[in-house]
């Protein structure tokens, strides 16, 4: 029999779903005080670490393997093939101790991005819209002028269609000095190497927090952007993991 072919769209969806399951599993493992190593996740879904790396890198996932992964991760059969299916429940929400680190972060998976962006922009918003190429000196196009437009896909523009990109909703005021308010959406890219001065989402003592990364020589700390919240300096025995770099902030202005 000829091999079963998988459409590019389905292959991409399955890769995104695999990445979602992997990230949620890792957060749950970290919340339990475990290492969250990729090798352990591969063992749970019944494949080798090298095979997992290949599939994360884009190698198509077959039907049987998808069903096995779904069973191992506790999601319904066919979930990886259904772009409208709800995300699995994330790890338990942060405890009140997280508020002292700057407020809670509500993690949203890639499939939740369009709905969350639409909600942020308000009723009637569109994710694909014209981009004006010509403008007057004041910055607005003349209604009487002829101008050309290109279509801009906001989900693509912000990288929300990439498996390494996630959304998180801010719950707290620790970063208001950087223009990040309670209720804003953060676009987080896990593929970017965190550097000094980046705004990052970090895991410290099994809690998620958003801060500015200070990293000069051997000195590392997480800096708040609100004088009412302390900076985080690692103490002996504490562990710090940079979960991702914040690339965009989505907010709805008061009107």
Protein backbone atom coordinates (compact mmCIF):
# COMPACT_ATOMS: atom_id res chain seq x y z
CA UNK A 1 0.00 0.00 0.00
CA UNK A 2 1.27 3.54 -0.73
CA UNK A 3 2.35 5.53 2.35
CA UNK A 4 -0.27 7.77 3.91
CA UNK A 5 0.45 11.40 3.13
CA UNK A 6 -0.07 14.19 5.65
CA UNK A 7 -1.01 17.64 4.41
CA UNK A 8 1.35 20.49 5.34
CA UNK A 9 -1.43 22.19 7.31
CA UNK A 10 -2.13 19.08 9.40
CA UNK A 11 1.59 18.45 9.92
CA UNK A 12 2.03 22.02 11.22
CA UNK A 13 -1.01 21.73 13.50
CA UNK A 14 0.27 18.45 14.95
CA UNK A 15 3.70 20.01 15.58
CA UNK A 16 2.09 22.98 17.35
CA UNK A 17 -0.03 20.65 19.47
CA UNK A 18 3.03 18.58 20.37
CA UNK A 19 4.85 21.74 21.46
CA UNK A 20 1.84 22.79 23.54
CA UNK A 21 1.73 19.42 25.31
CA UNK A 22 5.49 19.53 25.91
CA UNK A 23 5.42 23.05 27.39
CA UNK A 24 2.42 22.34 29.60
CA UNK A 25 4.00 19.08 30.80
CA UNK A 26 7.25 20.91 31.59
CA UNK A 27 5.46 23.62 33.57
CA UNK A 28 3.59 20.96 35.55
CA UNK A 29 6.84 19.11 36.23
CA UNK A 30 8.56 22.29 37.42
CA UNK A 31 5.56 23.10 39.63
CA UNK A 32 6.05 19.70 41.28
CA UNK A 33 9.73 20.42 41.92
CA UNK A 34 10.89 18.07 39.16
CA UNK A 35 13.47 18.80 36.46
CA UNK A 36 11.08 18.95 33.50
CA UNK A 37 13.75 17.40 31.28
CA UNK A 38 12.89 16.71 27.66
CA UNK A 39 14.12 13.12 28.07
CA UNK A 40 11.44 12.40 30.68
CA UNK A 41 8.70 13.79 28.46
CA UNK A 42 9.91 11.60 25.59
CA UNK A 43 9.76 8.57 27.89
CA UNK A 44 6.21 9.44 28.92
CA UNK A 45 4.94 9.54 25.32
CA UNK A 46 6.92 6.42 24.35
CA UNK A 47 9.56 7.75 21.96
CA UNK A 48 13.29 8.45 22.14
CA UNK A 49 14.64 11.96 22.91
CA UNK A 50 16.17 12.13 19.42
CA UNK A 51 12.81 11.26 17.84
CA UNK A 52 11.12 13.92 19.95
CA UNK A 53 13.68 16.49 18.77
CA UNK A 54 13.01 15.53 15.15
CA UNK A 55 9.27 16.00 15.55
CA UNK A 56 9.74 19.31 17.38
CA UNK A 57 11.91 20.37 14.45
CA UNK A 58 9.19 19.66 11.91
CA UNK A 59 9.24 15.94 11.10
CA UNK A 60 5.56 14.99 10.48
CA UNK A 61 3.76 13.02 13.18
CA UNK A 62 1.88 9.94 12.00
CA UNK A 63 -1.65 9.03 13.03
CA UNK A 64 -0.70 6.19 15.39
CA UNK A 65 1.95 8.24 17.14
CA UNK A 66 -0.48 11.13 17.61
CA UNK A 67 -3.05 8.83 19.22
CA UNK A 68 -0.35 7.44 21.53
CA UNK A 69 0.80 10.92 22.53
CA UNK A 70 -2.79 11.99 23.21
CA UNK A 71 -3.38 8.96 25.44
CA UNK A 72 -0.13 9.52 27.33
CA UNK A 73 -0.92 13.20 27.93
CA UNK A 74 -4.57 12.67 28.88
CA UNK A 75 -6.20 14.55 26.00
CA UNK A 76 -9.04 13.15 23.84
CA UNK A 77 -8.24 11.05 20.79
CA UNK A 78 -8.05 13.31 17.74
CA UNK A 79 -7.18 16.41 19.80
CA UNK A 80 -3.93 16.95 17.90
CA UNK A 81 -5.85 17.07 14.59
CA UNK A 82 -8.58 19.48 15.71
CA UNK A 83 -7.56 23.14 15.63
CA UNK A 84 -10.82 24.09 17.37
CA UNK A 85 -10.34 21.74 20.34
CA UNK A 86 -9.75 23.39 23.69
CA UNK A 87 -6.32 23.34 25.27
CA UNK A 88 -5.69 20.94 28.13
CA UNK A 89 -5.82 22.46 31.59
CA UNK A 90 -2.47 24.04 32.53
CA UNK A 91 -0.61 23.46 35.75
CA UNK A 92 -2.24 24.62 38.95
CA UNK A 93 -2.36 28.42 39.10
CA UNK A 94 0.40 30.15 41.07
CA UNK A 95 -0.09 30.41 44.80
CA UNK A 96 -0.34 33.78 46.57
CA UNK A 97 3.47 33.69 46.90
CA UNK A 98 3.62 34.49 43.19
CA UNK A 99 1.95 37.83 43.84
CA UNK A 100 5.00 38.93 45.81
CA UNK A 101 7.06 38.20 42.69
CA UNK A 102 4.96 40.54 40.61
CA UNK A 103 1.57 38.94 40.04
CA UNK A 104 0.30 35.86 38.31
CA UNK A 105 0.71 34.99 34.64
CA UNK A 106 -2.11 33.15 32.91
CA UNK A 107 -0.44 31.05 30.21
CA UNK A 108 -2.27 30.70 26.89
CA UNK A 109 -1.30 28.16 24.23
CA UNK A 110 -0.77 28.92 20.51
CA UNK A 111 -4.31 27.87 19.57
CA UNK A 112 -5.75 30.44 21.98
CA UNK A 113 -3.86 33.35 20.41
CA UNK A 114 -6.39 34.57 17.82
CA UNK A 115 -9.30 34.61 20.26
CA UNK A 116 -7.22 36.33 22.95
CA UNK A 117 -5.99 38.98 20.51
CA UNK A 118 -9.53 39.63 19.26
CA UNK A 119 -10.72 39.98 22.84
CA UNK A 120 -7.92 42.47 23.55
CA UNK A 121 -8.72 44.57 20.49
CA UNK A 122 -12.44 44.58 21.19
CA UNK A 123 -15.64 43.78 19.25
CA UNK A 124 -15.41 44.04 15.49
CA UNK A 125 -11.62 43.76 15.41
CA UNK A 126 -9.91 41.97 12.53
CA UNK A 127 -6.67 40.03 12.60
CA UNK A 128 -5.96 40.77 8.93
CA UNK A 129 -6.28 44.38 7.83
CA UNK A 130 -4.91 46.92 5.33
CA UNK A 131 -1.59 48.62 5.99
CA UNK A 132 -1.44 52.17 4.60
CA UNK A 133 1.72 52.87 2.62
CA UNK A 134 1.33 56.67 2.17
CA UNK A 135 0.66 59.30 4.80
CA UNK A 136 0.45 63.04 5.25
CA UNK A 137 3.07 64.88 7.36
CA UNK A 138 0.69 64.58 10.34
CA UNK A 139 0.84 60.81 10.04
CA UNK A 140 -2.63 60.11 8.63
CA UNK A 141 -3.57 59.28 5.04
CA UNK A 142 -5.53 61.85 3.11
CA UNK A 143 -9.10 60.61 2.42
CA UNK A 144 -8.91 62.18 -1.04
CA UNK A 145 -5.52 60.72 -1.97
CA UNK A 146 -4.96 57.51 -3.86
CA UNK A 147 -2.86 55.10 -1.85
CA UNK A 148 -1.87 51.47 -2.01
CA UNK A 149 -2.36 49.03 0.82
CA UNK A 150 -0.91 45.68 1.77
CA UNK A 151 -2.64 43.10 3.93
CA UNK A 152 -1.14 42.61 7.37
CA UNK A 153 -1.81 39.46 9.36
CA UNK A 154 -1.38 40.44 13.02
CA UNK A 155 -1.05 36.85 14.19
CA UNK A 156 1.81 36.31 11.73
CA UNK A 157 3.31 39.76 12.40
CA UNK A 158 3.66 38.98 16.11
CA UNK A 159 4.79 35.40 15.53
CA UNK A 160 1.72 33.91 17.17
CA UNK A 161 1.56 31.17 14.54
CA UNK A 162 4.95 29.79 15.61
CA UNK A 163 5.16 26.75 17.92
CA UNK A 164 7.75 28.53 20.11
CA UNK A 165 5.48 31.51 20.78
CA UNK A 166 2.97 31.73 23.62
CA UNK A 167 0.65 34.30 25.13
CA UNK A 168 0.34 35.07 28.82
CA UNK A 169 -2.07 37.45 30.52
CA UNK A 170 -0.52 39.67 33.19
CA UNK A 171 -2.03 39.62 36.65
CA UNK A 172 -0.21 42.26 38.68
CA UNK A 173 1.48 45.68 38.57
CA UNK A 174 5.16 44.84 38.95
CA UNK A 175 6.07 45.97 35.41
CA UNK A 176 3.98 49.13 34.97
CA UNK A 177 7.19 51.16 34.57
CA UNK A 178 7.79 49.25 31.33
CA UNK A 179 4.27 49.90 30.07
CA UNK A 180 2.97 46.47 31.11
CA UNK A 181 -0.31 46.77 33.00
CA UNK A 182 -2.58 44.29 34.75
CA UNK A 183 -4.62 42.44 32.13
CA UNK A 184 -2.21 43.03 29.24
CA UNK A 185 -1.25 40.16 26.96
CA UNK A 186 2.43 39.27 26.64
CA UNK A 187 3.79 37.64 23.50
CA UNK A 188 6.54 35.28 24.67
CA UNK A 189 9.08 33.64 22.36
CA UNK A 190 10.94 30.67 23.79
CA UNK A 191 13.37 30.47 20.85
CA UNK A 192 15.12 33.76 21.66
CA UNK A 193 18.30 33.61 23.72
CA UNK A 194 17.68 35.77 26.82
CA UNK A 195 20.14 38.63 27.24
CA UNK A 196 20.77 41.45 29.69
CA UNK A 197 17.95 43.99 29.48
CA UNK A 198 15.37 41.63 27.98
CA UNK A 199 11.94 41.50 29.59
CA UNK A 200 11.53 37.82 30.36
CA UNK A 201 9.12 35.33 31.83
CA UNK A 202 11.02 33.34 34.41
CA UNK A 203 10.38 30.42 36.71
CA UNK A 204 11.80 30.89 40.19
CA UNK A 205 10.96 28.56 43.06
CA UNK A 206 8.36 26.93 40.77
CA UNK A 207 6.50 30.21 40.16
CA UNK A 208 6.09 32.18 36.92
CA UNK A 209 6.95 35.87 36.96
CA UNK A 210 7.66 38.65 34.46
CA UNK A 211 10.68 40.87 35.09
CA UNK A 212 13.61 42.56 33.36
CA UNK A 213 16.68 40.33 33.23
CA UNK A 214 19.86 41.84 34.70
CA UNK A 215 22.85 39.73 33.72
CA UNK A 216 26.30 41.24 33.99
CA UNK A 217 29.18 38.85 34.58
CA UNK A 218 28.34 36.52 37.43
CA UNK A 219 25.60 38.83 38.76
CA UNK A 220 22.07 37.81 37.79
CA UNK A 221 18.83 39.25 39.09
CA UNK A 222 15.27 39.96 37.99
CA UNK A 223 14.27 43.61 38.17
CA UNK A 224 10.75 44.92 38.72
CA UNK A 225 9.55 48.13 37.08
CA UNK A 226 7.49 49.32 40.03
CA UNK A 227 9.05 50.64 43.27
CA UNK A 228 6.36 48.84 45.28
CA UNK A 229 7.80 45.48 44.19
CA UNK A 230 11.30 44.26 45.09
CA UNK A 231 13.88 42.99 42.65
CA UNK A 232 14.57 39.28 42.83
CA UNK A 233 18.11 38.33 43.75
CA UNK A 234 18.80 34.60 43.85
CA UNK A 235 19.56 33.18 47.25
CA UNK A 236 21.49 30.03 47.98
CA UNK A 237 19.42 27.00 47.01
CA UNK A 238 17.05 28.92 44.72
CA UNK A 239 16.69 27.88 41.08
CA UNK A 240 15.97 30.18 38.15
CA UNK A 241 14.81 29.21 34.66
CA UNK A 242 14.23 31.79 31.92
CA UNK A 243 11.08 30.44 30.28
CA UNK A 244 10.96 32.90 27.38
CA UNK A 245 11.57 36.46 26.16
CA UNK A 246 8.71 38.96 25.89
CA UNK A 247 8.60 40.32 22.33
CA UNK A 248 5.33 42.28 22.33
CA UNK A 249 2.71 43.67 24.69
CA UNK A 250 -0.93 43.78 23.58
CA UNK A 251 -3.16 46.18 25.46
CA UNK A 252 -6.57 47.72 25.01
CA UNK A 253 -6.60 51.47 25.51
CA UNK A 254 -9.37 53.18 27.43
CA UNK A 255 -11.91 54.78 25.07
